[in-house]
N, C-alpha and C. Protein backbone atom coordinates (compact mmCIF):
# COMPACT_ATOMS: atom_id res chain seq x y z
N UNK A 1 13.37 -1.34 17.19
CA UNK A 1 12.80 -0.02 17.11
C UNK A 1 11.93 0.05 15.86
N UNK A 2 10.76 0.60 16.00
CA UNK A 2 9.83 0.69 14.89
C UNK A 2 10.11 1.92 14.04
N UNK A 3 9.69 1.86 12.79
CA UNK A 3 9.83 3.00 11.90
C UNK A 3 8.82 4.07 12.29
N UNK A 4 9.13 5.31 11.97
CA UNK A 4 8.24 6.41 12.34
C UNK A 4 6.91 6.30 11.59
N UNK A 5 6.93 5.77 10.36
CA UNK A 5 5.68 5.58 9.62
C UNK A 5 4.76 4.59 10.30
N UNK A 6 5.34 3.57 10.89
CA UNK A 6 4.53 2.58 11.61
C UNK A 6 3.89 3.20 12.85
N UNK A 7 4.63 4.05 13.53
CA UNK A 7 4.09 4.71 14.72
C UNK A 7 2.97 5.68 14.34
N UNK A 8 3.12 6.37 13.22
CA UNK A 8 2.06 7.28 12.75
C UNK A 8 0.81 6.49 12.41
N UNK A 9 0.96 5.35 11.73
CA UNK A 9 -0.20 4.50 11.44
C UNK A 9 -0.87 4.03 12.72
N UNK A 10 -0.08 3.65 13.69
CA UNK A 10 -0.65 3.18 14.96
C UNK A 10 -1.36 4.31 15.70
N UNK A 11 -0.87 5.54 15.56
CA UNK A 11 -1.54 6.68 16.19
C UNK A 11 -2.90 6.94 15.53
N UNK A 12 -2.94 6.91 14.20
CA UNK A 12 -4.22 7.06 13.50
C UNK A 12 -5.17 5.92 13.88
N UNK A 13 -4.62 4.73 13.97
CA UNK A 13 -5.45 3.58 14.32
C UNK A 13 -5.98 3.70 15.74
N UNK A 14 -5.20 4.29 16.63
CA UNK A 14 -5.68 4.52 17.99
C UNK A 14 -6.92 5.40 17.97
N UNK A 15 -6.90 6.45 17.17
CA UNK A 15 -8.06 7.35 17.07
C UNK A 15 -9.26 6.60 16.50
N UNK A 16 -9.06 5.86 15.41
CA UNK A 16 -10.18 5.13 14.79
C UNK A 16 -10.74 4.07 15.74
N UNK A 17 -9.87 3.36 16.44
CA UNK A 17 -10.34 2.32 17.36
C UNK A 17 -11.04 2.92 18.58
N UNK A 18 -10.56 4.06 19.05
CA UNK A 18 -11.22 4.71 20.19
C UNK A 18 -12.63 5.16 19.79
N UNK A 19 -12.77 5.69 18.59
CA UNK A 19 -14.10 6.09 18.11
C UNK A 19 -14.99 4.87 17.94
N UNK A 20 -14.44 3.81 17.33
CA UNK A 20 -15.23 2.59 17.14
C UNK A 20 -15.63 1.97 18.48
N UNK A 21 -14.72 1.99 19.45
CA UNK A 21 -15.05 1.45 20.77
C UNK A 21 -16.14 2.28 21.44
N UNK A 22 -16.08 3.58 21.30
CA UNK A 22 -17.12 4.43 21.86
C UNK A 22 -18.47 4.19 21.22
N UNK A 23 -18.49 4.07 19.90
CA UNK A 23 -19.76 3.84 19.19
C UNK A 23 -20.34 2.47 19.50
N UNK A 24 -19.51 1.44 19.44
CA UNK A 24 -20.03 0.10 19.70
C UNK A 24 -20.36 -0.10 21.18
N UNK A 25 -19.60 0.53 22.05
CA UNK A 25 -19.93 0.48 23.47
C UNK A 25 -21.25 1.16 23.76
N UNK A 26 -21.51 2.25 23.07
CA UNK A 26 -22.80 2.93 23.22
C UNK A 26 -23.94 2.06 22.70
N UNK A 27 -23.70 1.38 21.59
CA UNK A 27 -24.73 0.47 21.06
C UNK A 27 -24.99 -0.68 22.03
N UNK A 28 -23.93 -1.22 22.62
CA UNK A 28 -24.10 -2.33 23.56
C UNK A 28 -24.81 -1.88 24.83
N UNK A 29 -24.53 -0.66 25.27
CA UNK A 29 -25.12 -0.17 26.52
C UNK A 29 -26.58 0.22 26.36
N UNK A 30 -26.99 0.60 25.16
CA UNK A 30 -28.36 1.08 24.97
C UNK A 30 -29.26 0.04 24.32
N UNK A 31 -28.84 -1.21 24.33
CA UNK A 31 -29.69 -2.27 23.78
C UNK A 31 -30.92 -2.43 24.66
N UNK A 32 -32.09 -2.27 24.05
CA UNK A 32 -33.34 -2.34 24.81
C UNK A 32 -33.83 -3.77 24.90
N UNK A 33 -33.82 -4.47 23.80
CA UNK A 33 -34.28 -5.85 23.77
C UNK A 33 -33.42 -6.62 22.79
N UNK A 34 -33.48 -7.91 22.88
CA UNK A 34 -32.71 -8.84 22.05
C UNK A 34 -31.22 -8.76 22.37
N UNK A 35 -30.52 -9.73 21.89
CA UNK A 35 -29.09 -9.85 22.14
C UNK A 35 -28.35 -9.59 20.84
N UNK A 36 -27.30 -8.78 20.86
CA UNK A 36 -26.55 -8.43 19.66
C UNK A 36 -25.11 -8.95 19.76
N UNK A 37 -24.86 -10.18 19.34
CA UNK A 37 -23.48 -10.69 19.42
C UNK A 37 -22.53 -9.94 18.48
N UNK A 38 -23.06 -9.38 17.40
CA UNK A 38 -22.20 -8.62 16.48
C UNK A 38 -21.61 -7.40 17.19
N UNK A 39 -22.44 -6.72 17.96
CA UNK A 39 -21.98 -5.53 18.67
C UNK A 39 -20.99 -5.92 19.76
N UNK A 40 -21.28 -6.99 20.48
CA UNK A 40 -20.37 -7.44 21.54
C UNK A 40 -19.01 -7.82 20.96
N UNK A 41 -19.00 -8.48 19.81
CA UNK A 41 -17.73 -8.84 19.17
C UNK A 41 -16.99 -7.59 18.70
N UNK A 42 -17.72 -6.60 18.20
CA UNK A 42 -17.08 -5.36 17.76
C UNK A 42 -16.45 -4.62 18.94
N UNK A 43 -17.09 -4.64 20.10
CA UNK A 43 -16.50 -4.04 21.30
C UNK A 43 -15.20 -4.77 21.65
N UNK A 44 -15.23 -6.10 21.60
CA UNK A 44 -14.02 -6.88 21.87
C UNK A 44 -12.92 -6.55 20.86
N UNK A 45 -13.26 -6.51 19.57
CA UNK A 45 -12.25 -6.27 18.54
C UNK A 45 -11.60 -4.91 18.71
N UNK A 46 -12.40 -3.89 19.02
CA UNK A 46 -11.84 -2.55 19.21
C UNK A 46 -10.96 -2.49 20.46
N UNK A 47 -11.40 -3.11 21.54
CA UNK A 47 -10.61 -3.10 22.77
C UNK A 47 -9.31 -3.89 22.60
N UNK A 48 -9.39 -5.04 21.94
CA UNK A 48 -8.19 -5.85 21.68
C UNK A 48 -7.22 -5.08 20.79
N UNK A 49 -7.74 -4.39 19.79
CA UNK A 49 -6.88 -3.59 18.91
C UNK A 49 -6.21 -2.45 19.64
N UNK A 50 -6.95 -1.78 20.52
CA UNK A 50 -6.35 -0.69 21.30
C UNK A 50 -5.24 -1.22 22.20
N UNK A 51 -5.48 -2.33 22.83
CA UNK A 51 -4.50 -2.87 23.77
C UNK A 51 -3.25 -3.38 23.06
N UNK A 52 -3.43 -4.19 22.04
CA UNK A 52 -2.28 -4.86 21.42
C UNK A 52 -1.57 -4.01 20.38
N UNK A 53 -2.30 -3.27 19.59
CA UNK A 53 -1.65 -2.52 18.53
C UNK A 53 -1.20 -1.15 19.01
N UNK A 54 -2.12 -0.40 19.52
CA UNK A 54 -1.79 0.98 19.85
C UNK A 54 -0.88 1.07 21.07
N UNK A 55 -1.27 0.46 22.16
CA UNK A 55 -0.48 0.60 23.38
C UNK A 55 0.83 -0.19 23.28
N UNK A 56 0.76 -1.47 22.90
CA UNK A 56 1.98 -2.27 22.79
C UNK A 56 2.86 -1.75 21.65
N UNK A 57 2.25 -1.34 20.55
CA UNK A 57 3.03 -0.84 19.42
C UNK A 57 3.79 0.43 19.74
N UNK A 58 3.16 1.34 20.45
CA UNK A 58 3.85 2.58 20.82
C UNK A 58 4.92 2.30 21.88
N UNK A 59 4.63 1.40 22.82
CA UNK A 59 5.66 1.02 23.79
C UNK A 59 6.86 0.38 23.09
N UNK A 60 6.60 -0.40 22.05
CA UNK A 60 7.69 -1.03 21.31
C UNK A 60 8.54 0.00 20.58
N UNK A 61 7.95 1.15 20.27
CA UNK A 61 8.73 2.22 19.63
C UNK A 61 9.74 2.81 20.61
N UNK A 62 9.36 2.93 21.87
CA UNK A 62 10.24 3.55 22.85
C UNK A 62 11.13 2.54 23.59
N UNK A 63 10.66 1.32 23.76
CA UNK A 63 11.43 0.30 24.47
C UNK A 63 11.80 -0.78 23.46
N UNK A 64 13.07 -0.79 23.09
CA UNK A 64 13.50 -1.67 22.00
C UNK A 64 13.35 -3.15 22.33
N UNK A 65 13.41 -3.51 23.59
CA UNK A 65 13.28 -4.92 23.98
C UNK A 65 11.89 -5.47 23.66
N UNK A 66 10.89 -4.61 23.55
CA UNK A 66 9.52 -5.06 23.22
C UNK A 66 9.27 -5.16 21.72
N UNK A 67 10.16 -4.62 20.92
CA UNK A 67 9.93 -4.54 19.47
C UNK A 67 10.34 -5.82 18.76
N UNK A 68 9.73 -6.92 19.10
CA UNK A 68 9.98 -8.17 18.41
C UNK A 68 9.09 -8.22 17.18
N UNK A 69 9.67 -8.30 16.00
CA UNK A 69 8.85 -8.28 14.78
C UNK A 69 7.84 -9.42 14.71
N UNK A 70 8.17 -10.57 15.25
CA UNK A 70 7.23 -11.70 15.21
C UNK A 70 5.97 -11.39 16.01
N UNK A 71 6.13 -10.86 17.21
CA UNK A 71 4.97 -10.53 18.04
C UNK A 71 4.15 -9.42 17.40
N UNK A 72 4.82 -8.39 16.88
CA UNK A 72 4.10 -7.30 16.23
C UNK A 72 3.33 -7.79 15.01
N UNK A 73 3.94 -8.69 14.24
CA UNK A 73 3.25 -9.22 13.06
C UNK A 73 2.04 -10.05 13.47
N UNK A 74 2.19 -10.88 14.49
CA UNK A 74 1.06 -11.70 14.95
C UNK A 74 -0.07 -10.81 15.46
N UNK A 75 0.26 -9.79 16.24
CA UNK A 75 -0.78 -8.87 16.73
C UNK A 75 -1.46 -8.14 15.58
N UNK A 76 -0.68 -7.68 14.59
CA UNK A 76 -1.28 -6.98 13.46
C UNK A 76 -2.19 -7.90 12.66
N UNK A 77 -1.78 -9.15 12.48
CA UNK A 77 -2.62 -10.10 11.75
C UNK A 77 -3.91 -10.38 12.51
N UNK A 78 -3.80 -10.66 13.81
CA UNK A 78 -5.00 -10.92 14.62
C UNK A 78 -5.92 -9.71 14.65
N UNK A 79 -5.35 -8.53 14.78
CA UNK A 79 -6.17 -7.32 14.80
C UNK A 79 -6.88 -7.11 13.47
N UNK A 80 -6.19 -7.38 12.36
CA UNK A 80 -6.85 -7.27 11.06
C UNK A 80 -8.03 -8.23 10.98
N UNK A 81 -7.80 -9.48 11.36
CA UNK A 81 -8.87 -10.48 11.28
C UNK A 81 -10.05 -10.08 12.16
N UNK A 82 -9.78 -9.67 13.39
CA UNK A 82 -10.86 -9.33 14.32
C UNK A 82 -11.64 -8.10 13.87
N UNK A 83 -10.93 -7.03 13.48
CA UNK A 83 -11.64 -5.81 13.10
C UNK A 83 -12.39 -5.99 11.79
N UNK A 84 -11.80 -6.72 10.85
CA UNK A 84 -12.50 -6.95 9.58
C UNK A 84 -13.74 -7.81 9.80
N UNK A 85 -13.61 -8.84 10.63
CA UNK A 85 -14.76 -9.70 10.93
C UNK A 85 -15.85 -8.93 11.67
N UNK A 86 -15.46 -8.06 12.60
CA UNK A 86 -16.45 -7.27 13.34
C UNK A 86 -17.17 -6.29 12.41
N UNK A 87 -16.42 -5.65 11.52
CA UNK A 87 -17.04 -4.71 10.58
C UNK A 87 -17.99 -5.43 9.64
N UNK A 88 -17.59 -6.59 9.15
CA UNK A 88 -18.47 -7.37 8.27
C UNK A 88 -19.69 -7.88 9.02
N UNK A 89 -19.53 -8.27 10.27
CA UNK A 89 -20.67 -8.78 11.06
C UNK A 89 -21.70 -7.68 11.29
N UNK A 90 -21.24 -6.48 11.62
CA UNK A 90 -22.19 -5.38 11.83
C UNK A 90 -22.83 -5.00 10.51
N UNK A 91 -22.04 -4.94 9.43
CA UNK A 91 -22.61 -4.59 8.12
C UNK A 91 -23.65 -5.60 7.69
N UNK A 92 -23.40 -6.88 7.93
CA UNK A 92 -24.38 -7.90 7.58
C UNK A 92 -25.60 -7.83 8.49
N UNK A 93 -25.39 -7.44 9.74
CA UNK A 93 -26.50 -7.36 10.69
C UNK A 93 -27.43 -6.19 10.43
N UNK A 94 -26.87 -5.06 10.01
CA UNK A 94 -27.74 -3.89 9.77
C UNK A 94 -28.25 -3.85 8.34
N UNK A 95 -27.66 -4.61 7.47
CA UNK A 95 -28.06 -4.71 6.06
C UNK A 95 -28.09 -3.34 5.36
N UNK A 96 -27.44 -2.37 5.89
CA UNK A 96 -27.16 -1.04 5.35
C UNK A 96 -28.26 -0.49 4.44
N UNK A 97 -29.29 -0.01 5.07
CA UNK A 97 -30.35 0.71 4.38
C UNK A 97 -30.35 2.15 4.87
N UNK A 98 -31.35 2.90 4.45
CA UNK A 98 -31.50 4.28 4.89
C UNK A 98 -31.98 4.32 6.34
N UNK A 99 -31.37 5.18 7.12
CA UNK A 99 -31.77 5.32 8.52
C UNK A 99 -33.07 6.11 8.66
N UNK A 100 -33.61 6.62 7.56
CA UNK A 100 -34.89 7.32 7.60
C UNK A 100 -36.07 6.41 7.32
N UNK A 101 -35.83 5.17 6.94
CA UNK A 101 -36.89 4.21 6.63
C UNK A 101 -37.33 3.52 7.92
N UNK A 102 -38.50 3.89 8.43
CA UNK A 102 -38.96 3.37 9.72
C UNK A 102 -39.26 1.87 9.68
N UNK A 103 -39.76 1.36 8.55
CA UNK A 103 -40.01 -0.08 8.44
C UNK A 103 -38.71 -0.87 8.59
N UNK A 104 -37.65 -0.37 7.97
CA UNK A 104 -36.34 -1.02 8.09
C UNK A 104 -35.84 -0.95 9.53
N UNK A 105 -35.97 0.20 10.16
CA UNK A 105 -35.49 0.36 11.54
C UNK A 105 -36.21 -0.56 12.51
N UNK A 106 -37.52 -0.71 12.33
CA UNK A 106 -38.31 -1.54 13.24
C UNK A 106 -38.01 -3.03 13.08
N UNK A 107 -37.63 -3.44 11.87
CA UNK A 107 -37.41 -4.87 11.63
C UNK A 107 -35.97 -5.31 11.89
N UNK A 108 -35.08 -4.40 12.22
CA UNK A 108 -33.67 -4.74 12.40
C UNK A 108 -33.34 -4.93 13.87
N UNK A 109 -32.62 -6.01 14.19
CA UNK A 109 -32.28 -6.33 15.58
C UNK A 109 -31.25 -5.37 16.17
N UNK A 110 -30.36 -4.87 15.34
CA UNK A 110 -29.32 -3.97 15.85
C UNK A 110 -29.86 -2.56 16.01
N UNK A 111 -30.61 -2.08 15.02
CA UNK A 111 -31.13 -0.71 15.06
C UNK A 111 -32.24 -0.53 16.09
N UNK A 112 -33.06 -1.55 16.27
CA UNK A 112 -34.14 -1.58 17.26
C UNK A 112 -35.07 -0.36 17.17
N UNK A 113 -35.37 0.06 15.94
CA UNK A 113 -36.34 1.13 15.73
C UNK A 113 -35.80 2.53 15.91
N UNK A 114 -34.52 2.69 16.15
CA UNK A 114 -33.95 4.00 16.42
C UNK A 114 -33.03 4.43 15.27
N UNK A 115 -33.26 5.63 14.76
CA UNK A 115 -32.38 6.13 13.70
C UNK A 115 -31.01 6.48 14.27
N UNK A 116 -30.95 6.85 15.54
CA UNK A 116 -29.66 7.13 16.17
C UNK A 116 -28.79 5.89 16.27
N UNK A 117 -29.40 4.76 16.65
CA UNK A 117 -28.66 3.50 16.69
C UNK A 117 -28.23 3.09 15.30
N UNK A 118 -29.06 3.37 14.31
CA UNK A 118 -28.72 3.04 12.92
C UNK A 118 -27.47 3.81 12.49
N UNK A 119 -27.44 5.10 12.79
CA UNK A 119 -26.28 5.92 12.42
C UNK A 119 -25.02 5.50 13.17
N UNK A 120 -25.18 5.15 14.45
CA UNK A 120 -24.02 4.67 15.22
C UNK A 120 -23.49 3.36 14.64
N UNK A 121 -24.38 2.47 14.25
CA UNK A 121 -23.95 1.19 13.68
C UNK A 121 -23.23 1.40 12.35
N UNK A 122 -23.75 2.29 11.52
CA UNK A 122 -23.10 2.56 10.24
C UNK A 122 -21.73 3.21 10.45
N UNK A 123 -21.65 4.15 11.39
CA UNK A 123 -20.37 4.81 11.66
C UNK A 123 -19.35 3.84 12.25
N UNK A 124 -19.80 2.97 13.15
CA UNK A 124 -18.86 2.01 13.73
C UNK A 124 -18.35 1.04 12.68
N UNK A 125 -19.21 0.67 11.73
CA UNK A 125 -18.78 -0.19 10.63
C UNK A 125 -17.69 0.49 9.82
N UNK A 126 -17.88 1.76 9.51
CA UNK A 126 -16.89 2.49 8.72
C UNK A 126 -15.56 2.59 9.46
N UNK A 127 -15.60 2.94 10.74
CA UNK A 127 -14.35 3.08 11.48
C UNK A 127 -13.64 1.74 11.68
N UNK A 128 -14.40 0.68 11.82
CA UNK A 128 -13.77 -0.64 11.93
C UNK A 128 -13.12 -1.05 10.61
N UNK A 129 -13.75 -0.71 9.48
CA UNK A 129 -13.12 -0.99 8.19
C UNK A 129 -11.86 -0.15 8.01
N UNK A 130 -11.90 1.15 8.38
CA UNK A 130 -10.70 1.98 8.31
C UNK A 130 -9.57 1.35 9.12
N UNK A 131 -9.91 0.92 10.31
CA UNK A 131 -8.92 0.32 11.19
C UNK A 131 -8.35 -0.98 10.62
N UNK A 132 -9.21 -1.78 10.01
CA UNK A 132 -8.74 -3.04 9.42
C UNK A 132 -7.73 -2.78 8.31
N UNK A 133 -7.97 -1.77 7.50
CA UNK A 133 -7.03 -1.48 6.42
C UNK A 133 -5.73 -0.88 6.95
N UNK A 134 -5.79 -0.15 8.04
CA UNK A 134 -4.56 0.34 8.65
C UNK A 134 -3.76 -0.83 9.24
N UNK A 135 -4.47 -1.84 9.75
CA UNK A 135 -3.77 -3.02 10.25
C UNK A 135 -3.05 -3.76 9.12
N UNK A 136 -3.57 -3.71 7.92
CA UNK A 136 -2.85 -4.31 6.79
C UNK A 136 -1.53 -3.58 6.57
N UNK A 137 -1.58 -2.25 6.57
CA UNK A 137 -0.35 -1.47 6.38
C UNK A 137 0.63 -1.70 7.52
N UNK A 138 0.15 -1.74 8.76
CA UNK A 138 1.03 -2.02 9.90
C UNK A 138 1.62 -3.42 9.80
N UNK A 139 0.82 -4.36 9.31
CA UNK A 139 1.31 -5.72 9.12
C UNK A 139 2.42 -5.78 8.08
N UNK A 140 2.32 -4.94 7.06
CA UNK A 140 3.39 -4.89 6.05
C UNK A 140 4.67 -4.35 6.69
N UNK A 141 4.55 -3.29 7.50
CA UNK A 141 5.73 -2.79 8.21
C UNK A 141 6.32 -3.87 9.12
N UNK A 142 5.46 -4.60 9.81
CA UNK A 142 5.94 -5.67 10.70
C UNK A 142 6.60 -6.79 9.91
N UNK A 143 6.05 -7.13 8.74
CA UNK A 143 6.64 -8.18 7.91
C UNK A 143 8.00 -7.75 7.38
N UNK A 144 8.13 -6.49 7.02
CA UNK A 144 9.43 -5.99 6.57
C UNK A 144 10.45 -6.10 7.69
N UNK A 145 10.05 -5.70 8.90
CA UNK A 145 10.94 -5.84 10.06
C UNK A 145 11.27 -7.28 10.36
N UNK A 146 10.30 -8.16 10.13
CA UNK A 146 10.51 -9.59 10.37
C UNK A 146 11.54 -10.15 9.40
N UNK A 147 11.46 -9.76 8.13
CA UNK A 147 12.39 -10.28 7.13
C UNK A 147 13.77 -9.64 7.27
N UNK A 148 13.83 -8.39 7.69
CA UNK A 148 15.12 -7.72 7.84
C UNK A 148 15.87 -8.16 9.09
N UNK A 149 15.15 -8.23 10.22
CA UNK A 149 15.83 -8.44 11.48
C UNK A 149 15.67 -9.82 12.08
N UNK A 150 14.91 -10.69 11.46
CA UNK A 150 14.71 -12.02 12.03
C UNK A 150 13.49 -12.06 12.93
N UNK A 151 13.25 -13.22 13.52
CA UNK A 151 12.05 -13.41 14.33
C UNK A 151 11.99 -12.49 15.53
N UNK A 152 13.11 -12.28 16.17
CA UNK A 152 13.11 -11.49 17.39
C UNK A 152 13.80 -10.15 17.21
N UNK A 153 14.18 -9.84 15.99
CA UNK A 153 14.76 -8.55 15.68
C UNK A 153 16.13 -8.36 16.28
N UNK A 154 17.02 -7.86 15.49
CA UNK A 154 18.36 -7.59 15.96
C UNK A 154 18.96 -6.52 15.08
N UNK A 155 19.43 -5.47 15.71
CA UNK A 155 20.05 -4.42 14.92
C UNK A 155 21.53 -4.70 14.67
N UNK A 156 22.03 -5.76 15.29
CA UNK A 156 23.43 -6.10 15.15
C UNK A 156 23.63 -7.06 13.99
N UNK A 157 24.72 -6.86 13.25
CA UNK A 157 25.01 -7.76 12.14
C UNK A 157 25.76 -8.97 12.66
N UNK A 158 25.83 -10.00 11.87
CA UNK A 158 26.49 -11.23 12.28
C UNK A 158 27.97 -11.24 11.92
N UNK A 159 28.46 -10.17 11.33
CA UNK A 159 29.88 -10.12 10.98
C UNK A 159 30.71 -9.80 12.23
N UNK A 160 32.01 -9.86 12.07
CA UNK A 160 32.90 -9.60 13.19
C UNK A 160 32.75 -8.15 13.64
N UNK A 161 32.88 -7.90 14.92
CA UNK A 161 32.73 -6.53 15.41
C UNK A 161 33.86 -5.65 14.90
N UNK A 162 33.56 -4.41 14.66
CA UNK A 162 34.55 -3.47 14.16
C UNK A 162 35.19 -2.77 15.35
N UNK A 163 36.41 -3.17 15.64
CA UNK A 163 37.10 -2.60 16.81
C UNK A 163 38.28 -1.72 16.42
N UNK A 164 38.61 -1.65 15.18
CA UNK A 164 39.76 -0.87 14.76
C UNK A 164 41.03 -1.70 14.62
N UNK A 165 41.00 -2.91 15.15
CA UNK A 165 42.14 -3.81 15.06
C UNK A 165 41.87 -4.76 13.90
N UNK A 166 42.83 -4.95 12.99
CA UNK A 166 42.58 -5.84 11.86
C UNK A 166 42.46 -7.30 12.30
N UNK A 167 41.61 -8.03 11.62
CA UNK A 167 41.47 -9.46 11.89
C UNK A 167 42.51 -10.22 11.09
N UNK A 168 42.60 -11.51 11.32
CA UNK A 168 43.60 -12.33 10.63
C UNK A 168 43.37 -12.34 9.12
N UNK A 169 42.13 -12.29 8.70
CA UNK A 169 41.86 -12.33 7.27
C UNK A 169 42.25 -11.03 6.58
N UNK A 170 42.38 -9.96 7.34
CA UNK A 170 42.76 -8.68 6.75
C UNK A 170 44.27 -8.49 6.71
N UNK A 171 45.04 -9.30 7.41
CA UNK A 171 46.49 -9.13 7.48
C UNK A 171 47.15 -9.71 6.28
């Protein structure tokens, strides 16, 4: 079972990833010319994050059999790597200038001369960075669960069960 703080982080991350997926999906759909692998990777990173962190993470909160700390930690690590790489790729691709500078807009492959695309790219970069840092916090929660409960998590202790009857060592 996950901690309530972890579920709250995953809920915030769901919102950030849904916004990032909408923005990057809009950028991918409105590409007029040239190919933008940075945008395509950002769409993948946001969709992968929604599927593995938000949906699986919330299901793991309600269904204890799914809450394996090792799987949650691996998903959080992969999601951090993917979202951080996608945010850095878009930031490097747009080279973050003013969206009012027409010379900059015309020379950029991602912006393609549109100030609207420029603003969408900058916003998607910000939301992907927010999401990456939330994945760090979720990864810390998963690591704590991993160290406390073992690889597959167990709420049961390894000591003798407490049945009310004394054991031989207590007699």
